[in-house]
């Protein structure tokens, strides 16, 4: 289990969080349907660092972007995004 440091709540167990998707798979509202399908369903899945979107669902409910190594699962950075982000 990962220990994720929420910017608002501090270190918490992974069980409090829900994984959403990688940042590069977010589809812009005005995207062409073919591009949207490619972003949503085509993955290169490389080893190394990747940015992922998580939600602290069973805590402060903030949306987070986590930079995590795909092979080792080492977390490099966690930052809040959206209306819950700290100024």
C-alpha atoms as a PDB file:
ATOM      1  CA  UNK A   1       0.000   0.000   0.000  1.00  0.00           C
ATOM      2  CA  UNK A   2       1.217   3.506  -0.804  1.00  0.00           C
ATOM      3  CA  UNK A   3       1.545   6.263   1.769  1.00  0.00           C
ATOM      4  CA  UNK A   4       0.284   9.397   0.022  1.00  0.00           C
ATOM      5  CA  UNK A   5       0.944  12.837   1.502  1.00  0.00           C
ATOM      6  CA  UNK A   6      -2.154  14.953   0.967  1.00  0.00           C
ATOM      7  CA  UNK A   7      -1.314  18.697   0.837  1.00  0.00           C
ATOM      8  CA  UNK A   8      -4.224  19.336   3.231  1.00  0.00           C
ATOM      9  CA  UNK A   9      -4.305  16.286   5.535  1.00  0.00           C
ATOM     10  CA  UNK A  10      -0.722  15.024   5.604  1.00  0.00           C
ATOM     11  CA  UNK A  11       0.376  11.385   5.132  1.00  0.00           C
ATOM     12  CA  UNK A  12      -2.552   9.002   4.578  1.00  0.00           C
ATOM     13  CA  UNK A  13      -3.030   5.397   3.440  1.00  0.00           C
ATOM     14  CA  UNK A  14      -3.745   4.738  -0.223  1.00  0.00           C
ATOM     15  CA  UNK A  15      -7.136   3.289   0.785  1.00  0.00           C
ATOM     16  CA  UNK A  16      -8.396   6.864   1.379  1.00  0.00           C
ATOM     17  CA  UNK A  17      -7.693   7.822  -2.247  1.00  0.00           C
ATOM     18  CA  UNK A  18      -9.229   6.878  -5.590  1.00  0.00           C
ATOM     19  CA  UNK A  19      -7.158   6.787  -8.782  1.00  0.00           C
ATOM     20  CA  UNK A  20      -8.824   8.572 -11.695  1.00  0.00           C
ATOM     21  CA  UNK A  21      -6.503   8.634 -14.734  1.00  0.00           C
ATOM     22  CA  UNK A  22      -3.199   9.930 -16.082  1.00  0.00           C
ATOM     23  CA  UNK A  23      -2.975  13.657 -16.779  1.00  0.00           C
ATOM     24  CA  UNK A  24      -2.139  13.082 -20.452  1.00  0.00           C
ATOM     25  CA  UNK A  25      -5.452  11.237 -20.983  1.00  0.00           C
ATOM     26  CA  UNK A  26      -7.622  14.241 -20.086  1.00  0.00           C
ATOM     27  CA  UNK A  27      -9.690  15.241 -23.126  1.00  0.00           C
ATOM     28  CA  UNK A  28     -10.238  18.953 -23.851  1.00  0.00           C
ATOM     29  CA  UNK A  29     -13.940  19.858 -24.282  1.00  0.00           C
ATOM     30  CA  UNK A  30     -13.428  20.992 -27.888  1.00  0.00           C
ATOM     31  CA  UNK A  31     -11.350  17.954 -28.949  1.00  0.00           C
ATOM     32  CA  UNK A  32     -11.985  16.161 -32.222  1.00  0.00           C
ATOM     33  CA  UNK A  33     -13.723  12.798 -31.560  1.00  0.00           C
ATOM     34  CA  UNK A  34     -10.802  10.839 -33.065  1.00  0.00           C
ATOM     35  CA  UNK A  35      -8.334  12.644 -30.780  1.00  0.00           C
ATOM     36  CA  UNK A  36     -10.625  12.055 -27.796  1.00  0.00           C
ATOM     37  CA  UNK A  37     -10.716   8.309 -28.492  1.00  0.00           C
ATOM     38  CA  UNK A  38      -6.929   8.208 -28.851  1.00  0.00           C
ATOM     39  CA  UNK A  39      -6.357  10.091 -25.595  1.00  0.00           C
ATOM     40  CA  UNK A  40      -8.816   7.938 -23.667  1.00  0.00           C
ATOM     41  CA  UNK A  41      -7.959   4.482 -24.950  1.00  0.00           C
ATOM     42  CA  UNK A  42      -4.385   4.468 -26.335  1.00  0.00           C
ATOM     43  CA  UNK A  43      -1.600   4.112 -23.775  1.00  0.00           C
ATOM     44  CA  UNK A  44       2.156   3.863 -24.281  1.00  0.00           C
ATOM     45  CA  UNK A  45       2.596   2.849 -20.604  1.00  0.00           C
ATOM     46  CA  UNK A  46       6.309   3.709 -20.425  1.00  0.00           C
ATOM     47  CA  UNK A  47       8.439   3.068 -17.362  1.00  0.00           C
ATOM     48  CA  UNK A  48       9.468   6.152 -15.455  1.00  0.00           C
ATOM     49  CA  UNK A  49       7.686   9.116 -13.936  1.00  0.00           C
ATOM     50  CA  UNK A  50       4.094   9.841 -14.819  1.00  0.00           C
ATOM     51  CA  UNK A  51       1.521  12.351 -13.594  1.00  0.00           C
ATOM     52  CA  UNK A  52      -1.728  10.840 -12.355  1.00  0.00           C
ATOM     53  CA  UNK A  53      -4.988  12.335 -11.124  1.00  0.00           C
ATOM     54  CA  UNK A  54      -6.213  11.054  -7.748  1.00  0.00           C
ATOM     55  CA  UNK A  55      -8.994  12.146  -5.385  1.00  0.00           C
ATOM     56  CA  UNK A  56      -8.807  12.092  -1.591  1.00  0.00           C
ATOM     57  CA  UNK A  57     -12.303  10.629  -1.544  1.00  0.00           C
ATOM     58  CA  UNK A  58     -12.346   9.411   2.072  1.00  0.00           C
ATOM     59  CA  UNK A  59     -10.558  12.487   3.441  1.00  0.00           C
ATOM     60  CA  UNK A  60     -10.730  16.137   2.417  1.00  0.00           C
ATOM     61  CA  UNK A  61     -12.145  15.193  -1.049  1.00  0.00           C
ATOM     62  CA  UNK A  62      -9.496  17.287  -2.853  1.00  0.00           C
ATOM     63  CA  UNK A  63      -8.368  16.468  -6.396  1.00  0.00           C
ATOM     64  CA  UNK A  64      -4.622  15.805  -6.570  1.00  0.00           C
ATOM     65  CA  UNK A  65      -1.957  15.376  -9.227  1.00  0.00           C
ATOM     66  CA  UNK A  66       0.617  12.827  -8.140  1.00  0.00           C
ATOM     67  CA  UNK A  67       3.973  12.336  -9.864  1.00  0.00           C
ATOM     68  CA  UNK A  68       4.751   8.635  -9.400  1.00  0.00           C
ATOM     69  CA  UNK A  69       7.314   6.238 -10.869  1.00  0.00           C
ATOM     70  CA  UNK A  70       5.467   3.490 -12.751  1.00  0.00           C
ATOM     71  CA  UNK A  71       7.949   0.711 -11.988  1.00  0.00           C
ATOM     72  CA  UNK A  72       8.921   1.450  -8.366  1.00  0.00           C
ATOM     73  CA  UNK A  73       5.725   3.277  -7.298  1.00  0.00           C
ATOM     74  CA  UNK A  74       7.912   5.899  -5.579  1.00  0.00           C
ATOM     75  CA  UNK A  75       5.967   9.143  -5.181  1.00  0.00           C
ATOM     76  CA  UNK A  76       7.964  12.222  -6.149  1.00  0.00           C
ATOM     77  CA  UNK A  77       5.343  14.954  -5.722  1.00  0.00           C
ATOM     78  CA  UNK A  78       1.678  15.462  -4.771  1.00  0.00           C
ATOM     79  CA  UNK A  79      -0.126  18.742  -5.409  1.00  0.00           C
ATOM     80  CA  UNK A  80      -3.729  19.850  -5.090  1.00  0.00           C
ATOM     81  CA  UNK A  81      -5.554  21.023  -8.208  1.00  0.00           C
ATOM     82  CA  UNK A  82      -8.910  22.642  -8.814  1.00  0.00           C
ATOM     83  CA  UNK A  83     -10.831  24.759  -6.300  1.00  0.00           C
ATOM     84  CA  UNK A  84      -9.164  22.969  -3.345  1.00  0.00           C
ATOM     85  CA  UNK A  85      -5.643  23.984  -4.434  1.00  0.00           C
ATOM     86  CA  UNK A  86      -3.695  26.112  -2.004  1.00  0.00           C
ATOM     87  CA  UNK A  87      -2.754  29.568  -3.336  1.00  0.00           C
END
